Amino acid sequence: METLLITFLFIKCYNNRCSCQVLYFCPTFSIFIRFLAHLRDFLCFLDPKRLPFKTGKPELSISRRYKVLFLSSWYPNRIEPLQGNFIQRHAEAVSEFSDVASLYVCPDSKLIDKLFDVEIKKEKNVFSVNVYYRKVKSSVPIFSLLTKYFRQRAALTKGFHEIQKYFGTKPDIIHLNVVLPAGFFALRLKKLFNIPFIITEHSTEYHIKMKTRRLLVTKMICSQASLICPVSENLKQTMQECGIENNFEVVPNVVDTN
C-alpha cells in the first residue's frame, strides 16, 4: 500500500517561530501535508542562513581511499542501455582511486506486479544500483506529480540503503551527475548526513531558455554544491550567464584509452 494511513504529523519551522500538530485520517490529505513539509524544506534551502549544515569545499586528503557515490540523473539501465554511458565510464575511472558506487532510478512501464524493482551488479569495480519504480498513470496532474515525486524518492532511498550496506557506512562524498532530478536527493543526503556533493553537468538545456521554476531550482541546488564541474568551457560560461554562482572547474568527459 503506497500511501500509508498516517495519524500524526509534527511540523516545526527551522527558525523555531512556529510549530503545529496535525491529526488526520485521510490518505489524500496525508500526501498534501507531506507535500507542505517538503515545500517548507525547499523554502529553507532558498535561504542558506537557515540551513542546518555548512556549505563550502569538503576537506579531502589524497592519502586515503574515499567512498564515492555517483548519484546520476542519467545512467545506463535496462530500458535505455546507452543513456549516460559516459557517466558510467567516469565512475569506472574514479574507481581506480576510490571505492565507487552508483545510484540511478527511473520509471518502468512494464513493472506491474510490484511497485519497485532493485537491480544490483558490480562491473569494473563499480557497485551499481538501479531502482525501477512503477510508472505513474493518472489523468490528474497534481496527483501524478506528487505520486511520481514520492515514488522516485522512495526508490532513491531503497537504493541508498543498498549502497550503505555495501560501503558499511555512509559515502564520504556524492558526485552528482546532471542536476535535475537527482539533485533533490543530493540535498536531502547533505541535510540528513552532512555528506558534501560536487556536480558534473552534461546537460545542454542551459543553452536554451530554461523555464523560470526549473532554473530557480537548479540555482538552489548548485548553490549548495562544493564544486561545479561542467564538461566544457562553453557550458561553464552558459551556466554562469544563467545566474548560477559557485566555484567552477571544467572537467571534460573521460575517454577509455585501453
C-alpha atoms as a PDB file:
ATOM      1  CA  MET A   1       0.000   0.000   0.000  1.00  0.00           C
ATOM      2  CA  GLU A   2       1.759   3.085  -1.285  1.00  0.00           C
ATOM      3  CA  THR A   3       0.078   5.761   0.801  1.00  0.00           C
ATOM      4  CA  LEU A   4       0.097   4.752   4.444  1.00  0.00           C
ATOM      5  CA  LEU A   5      -2.565   5.962   6.846  1.00  0.00           C
ATOM      6  CA  ILE A   6      -0.658   8.483   8.928  1.00  0.00           C
ATOM      7  CA  THR A   7      -2.253   9.626  12.169  1.00  0.00           C
ATOM      8  CA  PHE A   8       0.155  12.240  13.414  1.00  0.00           C
ATOM      9  CA  LEU A   9       2.499  14.786  11.926  1.00  0.00           C
ATOM     10  CA  PHE A  10       4.636  17.331  13.703  1.00  0.00           C
ATOM     11  CA  ILE A  11       5.899  20.233  11.641  1.00  0.00           C
ATOM     12  CA  LYS A  12       8.361  22.698  13.083  1.00  0.00           C
ATOM     13  CA  CYS A  13       9.854  25.640  11.237  1.00  0.00           C
ATOM     14  CA  TYR A  14      13.639  25.854  11.168  1.00  0.00           C
ATOM     15  CA  ASN A  15      13.525  29.344  12.636  1.00  0.00           C
ATOM     16  CA  ASN A  16      11.556  27.997  15.636  1.00  0.00           C
ATOM     17  CA  ARG A  17       8.953  30.709  15.240  1.00  0.00           C
ATOM     18  CA  CYS A  18       6.035  28.407  14.806  1.00  0.00           C
ATOM     19  CA  SER A  19       5.003  24.795  15.095  1.00  0.00           C
ATOM     20  CA  CYS A  20       1.807  22.914  14.556  1.00  0.00           C
ATOM     21  CA  GLN A  21       0.419  19.496  15.269  1.00  0.00           C
ATOM     22  CA  VAL A  22      -1.893  17.999  12.708  1.00  0.00           C
ATOM     23  CA  LEU A  23      -4.129  14.989  13.205  1.00  0.00           C
ATOM     24  CA  TYR A  24      -5.603  13.469  10.114  1.00  0.00           C
ATOM     25  CA  PHE A  25      -7.010  10.179   8.878  1.00  0.00           C
ATOM     26  CA  CYS A  26      -7.377  10.709   5.127  1.00  0.00           C
ATOM     27  CA  PRO A  27      -4.609   9.285   2.879  1.00  0.00           C
ATOM     28  CA  THR A  28      -5.110  12.059   0.313  1.00  0.00           C
ATOM     29  CA  PHE A  29      -4.699  14.700   2.992  1.00  0.00           C
ATOM     30  CA  SER A  30      -1.617  12.797   4.147  1.00  0.00           C
ATOM     31  CA  ILE A  31       0.014  13.391   0.764  1.00  0.00           C
ATOM     32  CA  PHE A  32      -0.900  17.077   0.899  1.00  0.00           C
ATOM     33  CA  ILE A  33       0.622  17.543   4.357  1.00  0.00           C
ATOM     34  CA  ARG A  34       3.786  15.729   3.365  1.00  0.00           C
ATOM     35  CA  PHE A  35       3.997  17.982   0.317  1.00  0.00           C
ATOM     36  CA  LEU A  36       3.782  21.039   2.582  1.00  0.00           C
ATOM     37  CA  ALA A  37       6.610  19.658   4.709  1.00  0.00           C
ATOM     38  CA  HIS A  38       8.814  19.301   1.610  1.00  0.00           C
ATOM     39  CA  LEU A  39       7.809  22.779   0.476  1.00  0.00           C
ATOM     40  CA  ARG A  40       8.988  24.062   3.863  1.00  0.00           C
ATOM     41  CA  ASP A  41      12.351  22.360   3.305  1.00  0.00           C
ATOM     42  CA  PHE A  42      12.572  23.895  -0.168  1.00  0.00           C
ATOM     43  CA  LEU A  43      11.961  27.408   1.186  1.00  0.00           C
ATOM     44  CA  CYS A  44      14.632  26.854   3.818  1.00  0.00           C
ATOM     45  CA  PHE A  45      17.101  25.832   1.109  1.00  0.00           C
ATOM     46  CA  LEU A  46      16.485  29.148  -0.641  1.00  0.00           C
ATOM     47  CA  ASP A  47      17.886  30.910   2.432  1.00  0.00           C
ATOM     48  CA  PRO A  48      21.335  29.405   3.168  1.00  0.00           C
ATOM     49  CA  LYS A  49      21.429  31.092   6.600  1.00  0.00           C
ATOM     50  CA  ARG A  50      18.677  28.746   7.769  1.00  0.00           C
ATOM     51  CA  LEU A  51      20.328  25.561   6.513  1.00  0.00           C
ATOM     52  CA  PRO A  52      21.171  23.016   9.245  1.00  0.00           C
ATOM     53  CA  PHE A  53      24.565  22.221   7.681  1.00  0.00           C
ATOM     54  CA  LYS A  54      27.632  24.038   6.465  1.00  0.00           C
ATOM     55  CA  THR A  55      28.413  24.714   2.823  1.00  0.00           C
ATOM     56  CA  GLY A  56      31.798  25.067   1.152  1.00  0.00           C
ATOM     57  CA  LYS A  57      34.518  22.768  -0.116  1.00  0.00           C
ATOM     58  CA  PRO A  58      34.929  19.420   1.658  1.00  0.00           C
ATOM     59  CA  GLU A  59      38.297  18.751   3.282  1.00  0.00           C
ATOM     60  CA  LEU A  60      39.837  15.847   1.375  1.00  0.00           C
ATOM     61  CA  SER A  61      43.165  14.098   1.596  1.00  0.00           C
ATOM     62  CA  ILE A  62      44.971  12.206  -1.174  1.00  0.00           C
ATOM     63  CA  SER A  63      46.364   9.772   1.380  1.00  0.00           C
ATOM     64  CA  ARG A  64      43.110   7.825   1.846  1.00  0.00           C
ATOM     65  CA  ARG A  65      40.693   5.911  -0.353  1.00  0.00           C
ATOM     66  CA  TYR A  66      37.301   7.618  -0.301  1.00  0.00           C
ATOM     67  CA  LYS A  67      33.855   6.128  -0.670  1.00  0.00           C
ATOM     68  CA  VAL A  68      32.227   7.969  -3.571  1.00  0.00           C
ATOM     69  CA  LEU A  69      28.574   7.787  -4.561  1.00  0.00           C
ATOM     70  CA  PHE A  70      27.799   8.610  -8.195  1.00  0.00           C
ATOM     71  CA  LEU A  71      24.214   9.889  -7.980  1.00  0.00           C
ATOM     72  CA  SER A  72      23.011  10.350 -11.530  1.00  0.00           C
ATOM     73  CA  SER A  73      20.040  11.707 -13.436  1.00  0.00           C
ATOM     74  CA  TRP A  74      21.297   9.744 -16.458  1.00  0.00           C
ATOM     75  CA  TYR A  75      22.858   6.282 -16.335  1.00  0.00           C
ATOM     76  CA  PRO A  76      22.772   3.056 -18.402  1.00  0.00           C
ATOM     77  CA  ASN A  77      19.763   0.914 -17.492  1.00  0.00           C
ATOM     78  CA  ARG A  78      17.667  -1.949 -18.876  1.00  0.00           C
ATOM     79  CA  ILE A  79      15.261   0.449 -20.590  1.00  0.00           C
ATOM     80  CA  GLU A  80      17.918   2.701 -22.169  1.00  0.00           C
ATOM     81  CA  PRO A  81      21.226   0.776 -22.076  1.00  0.00           C
ATOM     82  CA  LEU A  82      23.287   3.603 -23.594  1.00  0.00           C
ATOM     83  CA  GLN A  83      21.885   6.518 -21.615  1.00  0.00           C
ATOM     84  CA  GLY A  84      24.650   8.343 -19.778  1.00  0.00           C
ATOM     85  CA  ASN A  85      27.291   5.723 -20.584  1.00  0.00           C
ATOM     86  CA  PHE A  86      29.914   8.480 -20.340  1.00  0.00           C
ATOM     87  CA  ILE A  87      28.956   8.846 -16.662  1.00  0.00           C
ATOM     88  CA  GLN A  88      29.498   5.120 -16.199  1.00  0.00           C
ATOM     89  CA  ARG A  89      32.974   5.434 -17.762  1.00  0.00           C
ATOM     90  CA  HIS A  90      33.716   8.326 -15.404  1.00  0.00           C
ATOM     91  CA  ALA A  91      32.723   6.183 -12.406  1.00  0.00           C
ATOM     92  CA  GLU A  92      34.976   3.366 -13.655  1.00  0.00           C
ATOM     93  CA  ALA A  93      37.900   5.786 -13.953  1.00  0.00           C
ATOM     94  CA  VAL A  94      37.367   7.101 -10.417  1.00  0.00           C
ATOM     95  CA  SER A  95      37.201   3.521  -9.083  1.00  0.00           C
ATOM     96  CA  GLU A  96      40.947   3.238  -9.716  1.00  0.00           C
ATOM     97  CA  PHE A  97      41.491   5.609  -6.794  1.00  0.00           C
ATOM     98  CA  SER A  98      38.320   5.344  -4.669  1.00  0.00           C
ATOM     99  CA  ASP A  99      35.573   2.920  -3.714  1.00  0.00           C
ATOM    100  CA  VAL A 100      32.718   3.809  -6.068  1.00  0.00           C
ATOM    101  CA  ALA A 101      29.007   3.054  -6.091  1.00  0.00           C
ATOM    102  CA  SER A 102      26.399   4.410  -8.487  1.00  0.00           C
ATOM    103  CA  LEU A 103      22.705   5.064  -7.889  1.00  0.00           C
ATOM    104  CA  TYR A 104      20.067   5.684 -10.542  1.00  0.00           C
ATOM    105  CA  VAL A 105      16.267   5.414 -10.547  1.00  0.00           C
ATOM    106  CA  CYS A 106      13.692   5.577 -13.336  1.00  0.00           C
ATOM    107  CA  PRO A 107      10.086   4.540 -14.096  1.00  0.00           C
ATOM    108  CA  ASP A 108       9.346   1.247 -15.822  1.00  0.00           C
ATOM    109  CA  SER A 109       6.041   0.912 -17.664  1.00  0.00           C
ATOM    110  CA  LYS A 110       6.392  -2.888 -17.655  1.00  0.00           C
ATOM    111  CA  LEU A 111       6.563  -3.044 -13.867  1.00  0.00           C
ATOM    112  CA  ILE A 112       3.068  -4.213 -12.915  1.00  0.00           C
ATOM    113  CA  ASP A 113       3.216  -6.909 -10.226  1.00  0.00           C
ATOM    114  CA  LYS A 114       5.265  -4.813  -7.794  1.00  0.00           C
ATOM    115  CA  LEU A 115       5.980  -1.163  -7.033  1.00  0.00           C
ATOM    116  CA  PHE A 116       9.792  -1.292  -7.070  1.00  0.00           C
ATOM    117  CA  ASP A 117      12.477  -3.494  -8.584  1.00  0.00           C
ATOM    118  CA  VAL A 118      16.071  -3.186  -7.347  1.00  0.00           C
ATOM    119  CA  GLU A 119      18.809  -4.242  -9.761  1.00  0.00           C
ATOM    120  CA  ILE A 120      22.303  -4.643  -8.278  1.00  0.00           C
ATOM    121  CA  LYS A 121      25.503  -5.541 -10.081  1.00  0.00           C
ATOM    122  CA  LYS A 122      29.228  -4.896  -9.911  1.00  0.00           C
ATOM    123  CA  GLU A 123      31.169  -4.163 -13.074  1.00  0.00           C
ATOM    124  CA  LYS A 124      34.739  -2.888 -13.365  1.00  0.00           C
ATOM    125  CA  ASN A 125      34.938  -2.120  -9.624  1.00  0.00           C
ATOM    126  CA  VAL A 126      31.734  -0.043  -9.656  1.00  0.00           C
ATOM    127  CA  PHE A 127      28.876  -1.204  -7.421  1.00  0.00           C
ATOM    128  CA  SER A 128      25.793  -0.195  -9.417  1.00  0.00           C
ATOM    129  CA  VAL A 129      22.269   0.058  -8.021  1.00  0.00           C
ATOM    130  CA  ASN A 130      19.453   0.794 -10.459  1.00  0.00           C
ATOM    131  CA  VAL A 131      15.986   1.030  -8.933  1.00  0.00           C
ATOM    132  CA  TYR A 132      12.911   0.902 -11.159  1.00  0.00           C
ATOM    133  CA  TYR A 133       9.527   2.102  -9.962  1.00  0.00           C
ATOM    134  CA  ARG A 134       6.075   1.564 -11.407  1.00  0.00           C
ATOM    135  CA  LYS A 135       5.201   4.315 -13.863  1.00  0.00           C
ATOM    136  CA  VAL A 136       2.540   6.717 -12.638  1.00  0.00           C
ATOM    137  CA  LYS A 137      -0.655   6.618 -14.679  1.00  0.00           C
ATOM    138  CA  SER A 138      -3.077   9.336 -13.710  1.00  0.00           C
ATOM    139  CA  SER A 139      -5.116  11.938 -15.570  1.00  0.00           C
ATOM    140  CA  VAL A 140      -4.979  14.305 -12.583  1.00  0.00           C
ATOM    141  CA  PRO A 141      -1.801  16.411 -12.977  1.00  0.00           C
ATOM    142  CA  ILE A 142      -1.244  17.288  -9.292  1.00  0.00           C
ATOM    143  CA  PHE A 143      -1.797  13.689  -8.181  1.00  0.00           C
ATOM    144  CA  SER A 144       0.512  12.418 -10.923  1.00  0.00           C
ATOM    145  CA  LEU A 145       3.230  14.911  -9.951  1.00  0.00           C
ATOM    146  CA  LEU A 146       3.075  14.140  -6.235  1.00  0.00           C
ATOM    147  CA  THR A 147       2.892  10.378  -6.713  1.00  0.00           C
ATOM    148  CA  LYS A 148       5.875  10.429  -9.075  1.00  0.00           C
ATOM    149  CA  TYR A 149       7.867  12.522  -6.594  1.00  0.00           C
ATOM    150  CA  PHE A 150       7.220  10.179  -3.658  1.00  0.00           C
ATOM    151  CA  ARG A 151       7.856   7.029  -5.711  1.00  0.00           C
ATOM    152  CA  GLN A 152      11.080   8.479  -7.028  1.00  0.00           C
ATOM    153  CA  ARG A 153      12.277   9.449  -3.566  1.00  0.00           C
ATOM    154  CA  ALA A 154      11.303   6.062  -2.130  1.00  0.00           C
ATOM    155  CA  ALA A 155      13.249   4.363  -4.928  1.00  0.00           C
ATOM    156  CA  LEU A 156      16.312   6.505  -4.221  1.00  0.00           C
ATOM    157  CA  THR A 157      16.057   5.723  -0.510  1.00  0.00           C
ATOM    158  CA  LYS A 158      15.909   1.976  -1.223  1.00  0.00           C
ATOM    159  CA  GLY A 159      18.950   2.239  -3.448  1.00  0.00           C
ATOM    160  CA  PHE A 160      20.864   4.326  -0.927  1.00  0.00           C
ATOM    161  CA  HIS A 161      20.271   1.708   1.775  1.00  0.00           C
ATOM    162  CA  GLU A 162      21.839  -0.918  -0.506  1.00  0.00           C
ATOM    163  CA  ILE A 163      24.857   1.322  -1.030  1.00  0.00           C
ATOM    164  CA  GLN A 164      25.204   1.914   2.711  1.00  0.00           C
ATOM    165  CA  LYS A 165      25.269  -1.859   3.232  1.00  0.00           C
ATOM    166  CA  TYR A 166      27.931  -2.214   0.536  1.00  0.00           C
ATOM    167  CA  PHE A 167      30.141   0.562   1.946  1.00  0.00           C
ATOM    168  CA  GLY A 168      29.411  -0.423   5.545  1.00  0.00           C
ATOM    169  CA  THR A 169      28.869   3.263   6.269  1.00  0.00           C
ATOM    170  CA  LYS A 170      27.723   6.447   4.536  1.00  0.00           C
ATOM    171  CA  PRO A 171      29.618   7.768   1.479  1.00  0.00           C
ATOM    172  CA  ASP A 172      32.341  10.349   2.035  1.00  0.00           C
ATOM    173  CA  ILE A 173      31.228  12.428  -0.911  1.00  0.00           C
ATOM    174  CA  ILE A 174      28.466  12.463  -3.519  1.00  0.00           C
ATOM    175  CA  HIS A 175      29.239  13.029  -7.189  1.00  0.00           C
ATOM    176  CA  LEU A 176      26.002  14.361  -8.662  1.00  0.00           C
ATOM    177  CA  ASN A 177      25.778  13.971 -12.425  1.00  0.00           C
ATOM    178  CA  VAL A 178      23.245  16.262 -14.149  1.00  0.00           C
ATOM    179  CA  VAL A 179      21.496  18.483 -11.614  1.00  0.00           C
ATOM    180  CA  LEU A 180      17.863  17.521 -12.187  1.00  0.00           C
ATOM    181  CA  PRO A 181      16.120  15.497 -10.971  1.00  0.00           C
ATOM    182  CA  ALA A 182      18.711  13.665  -8.836  1.00  0.00           C
ATOM    183  CA  GLY A 183      19.895  16.903  -7.206  1.00  0.00           C
ATOM    184  CA  PHE A 184      16.952  16.927  -4.803  1.00  0.00           C
ATOM    185  CA  PHE A 185      18.192  13.693  -3.255  1.00  0.00           C
ATOM    186  CA  ALA A 186      21.760  15.027  -3.064  1.00  0.00           C
ATOM    187  CA  LEU A 187      20.416  17.932  -1.000  1.00  0.00           C
ATOM    188  CA  ARG A 188      18.463  15.540   1.198  1.00  0.00           C
ATOM    189  CA  LEU A 189      21.543  13.403   1.900  1.00  0.00           C
ATOM    190  CA  LYS A 190      23.552  16.506   2.703  1.00  0.00           C
ATOM    191  CA  LYS A 191      20.852  17.643   5.100  1.00  0.00           C
ATOM    192  CA  LEU A 192      20.447  14.263   6.831  1.00  0.00           C
ATOM    193  CA  PHE A 193      24.055  13.022   6.897  1.00  0.00           C
ATOM    194  CA  ASN A 194      26.138  16.124   6.165  1.00  0.00           C
ATOM    195  CA  ILE A 195      27.607  14.491   3.039  1.00  0.00           C
ATOM    196  CA  PRO A 196      29.139  17.091   0.703  1.00  0.00           C
ATOM    197  CA  PHE A 197      28.456  16.859  -3.013  1.00  0.00           C
ATOM    198  CA  ILE A 198      30.030  18.091  -6.218  1.00  0.00           C
ATOM    199  CA  ILE A 199      28.281  18.404  -9.574  1.00  0.00           C
ATOM    200  CA  THR A 200      29.349  17.303 -13.023  1.00  0.00           C
ATOM    201  CA  GLU A 201      26.981  18.887 -15.516  1.00  0.00           C
ATOM    202  CA  HIS A 202      26.490  17.483 -19.023  1.00  0.00           C
ATOM    203  CA  SER A 203      23.102  18.904 -19.964  1.00  0.00           C
ATOM    204  CA  THR A 204      22.812  21.353 -22.843  1.00  0.00           C
ATOM    205  CA  GLU A 205      19.479  22.754 -21.633  1.00  0.00           C
ATOM    206  CA  TYR A 206      21.340  25.799 -20.280  1.00  0.00           C
ATOM    207  CA  HIS A 207      21.911  26.872 -23.893  1.00  0.00           C
ATOM    208  CA  ILE A 208      18.176  27.327 -24.370  1.00  0.00           C
ATOM    209  CA  LYS A 209      15.807  29.407 -22.288  1.00  0.00           C
ATOM    210  CA  MET A 210      15.022  27.300 -19.208  1.00  0.00           C
ATOM    211  CA  LYS A 211      11.660  27.625 -17.526  1.00  0.00           C
ATOM    212  CA  THR A 212      11.808  30.041 -14.592  1.00  0.00           C
ATOM    213  CA  ARG A 213      10.850  27.449 -11.979  1.00  0.00           C
ATOM    214  CA  ARG A 214      13.341  24.905 -13.291  1.00  0.00           C
ATOM    215  CA  LEU A 215      16.124  27.480 -13.340  1.00  0.00           C
ATOM    216  CA  LEU A 216      15.280  28.583  -9.788  1.00  0.00           C
ATOM    217  CA  VAL A 217      15.508  25.010  -8.507  1.00  0.00           C
ATOM    218  CA  THR A 218      18.748  24.436 -10.422  1.00  0.00           C
ATOM    219  CA  LYS A 219      20.299  27.564  -8.894  1.00  0.00           C
ATOM    220  CA  MET A 220      19.252  26.432  -5.425  1.00  0.00           C
ATOM    221  CA  ILE A 221      20.862  23.003  -5.812  1.00  0.00           C
ATOM    222  CA  CYS A 222      24.020  24.402  -7.414  1.00  0.00           C
ATOM    223  CA  SER A 223      24.443  26.944  -4.625  1.00  0.00           C
ATOM    224  CA  GLN A 224      24.839  24.112  -2.099  1.00  0.00           C
ATOM    225  CA  ALA A 225      27.432  22.143  -4.092  1.00  0.00           C
ATOM    226  CA  SER A 226      31.079  22.234  -3.056  1.00  0.00           C
ATOM    227  CA  LEU A 227      32.192  22.462  -6.689  1.00  0.00           C
ATOM    228  CA  ILE A 228      30.590  22.515 -10.146  1.00  0.00           C
ATOM    229  CA  CYS A 229      32.395  20.753 -12.994  1.00  0.00           C
ATOM    230  CA  PRO A 230      30.913  21.492 -16.432  1.00  0.00           C
ATOM    231  CA  VAL A 231      32.251  19.237 -19.175  1.00  0.00           C
ATOM    232  CA  SER A 232      33.231  22.176 -21.397  1.00  0.00           C
ATOM    233  CA  GLU A 233      34.276  25.801 -21.131  1.00  0.00           C
ATOM    234  CA  ASN A 234      31.267  26.798 -23.232  1.00  0.00           C
ATOM    235  CA  LEU A 235      28.872  25.058 -20.833  1.00  0.00           C
ATOM    236  CA  LYS A 236      30.573  26.766 -17.884  1.00  0.00           C
ATOM    237  CA  GLN A 237      30.081  30.192 -19.438  1.00  0.00           C
ATOM    238  CA  THR A 238      26.450  29.466 -20.279  1.00  0.00           C
ATOM    239  CA  MET A 239      25.700  28.287 -16.720  1.00  0.00           C
ATOM    240  CA  GLN A 240      27.261  31.465 -15.335  1.00  0.00           C
ATOM    241  CA  GLU A 241      25.221  33.561 -17.765  1.00  0.00           C
ATOM    242  CA  CYS A 242      22.110  31.835 -16.377  1.00  0.00           C
ATOM    243  CA  GLY A 243      22.999  33.284 -12.972  1.00  0.00           C
ATOM    244  CA  ILE A 244      24.465  30.147 -11.382  1.00  0.00           C
ATOM    245  CA  GLU A 245      27.121  31.141  -8.868  1.00  0.00           C
ATOM    246  CA  ASN A 246      29.691  28.815  -7.315  1.00  0.00           C
ATOM    247  CA  ASN A 247      33.245  27.555  -7.786  1.00  0.00           C
ATOM    248  CA  PHE A 248      33.637  26.164 -11.317  1.00  0.00           C
ATOM    249  CA  GLU A 249      36.269  23.861 -12.775  1.00  0.00           C
ATOM    250  CA  VAL A 250      35.945  22.386 -16.260  1.00  0.00           C
ATOM    251  CA  VAL A 251      36.419  18.598 -16.333  1.00  0.00           C
ATOM    252  CA  PRO A 252      35.859  17.023 -19.786  1.00  0.00           C
ATOM    253  CA  ASN A 253      34.263  13.599 -20.233  1.00  0.00           C
ATOM    254  CA  VAL A 254      36.679  10.740 -19.684  1.00  0.00           C
ATOM    255  CA  VAL A 255      37.970   8.536 -22.506  1.00  0.00           C
ATOM    256  CA  ASP A 256      38.933   4.889 -22.164  1.00  0.00           C
ATOM    257  CA  THR A 257      42.323   4.632 -23.874  1.00  0.00           C
ATOM    258  CA  ASN A 258      42.695   0.870 -23.353  1.00  0.00           C
END
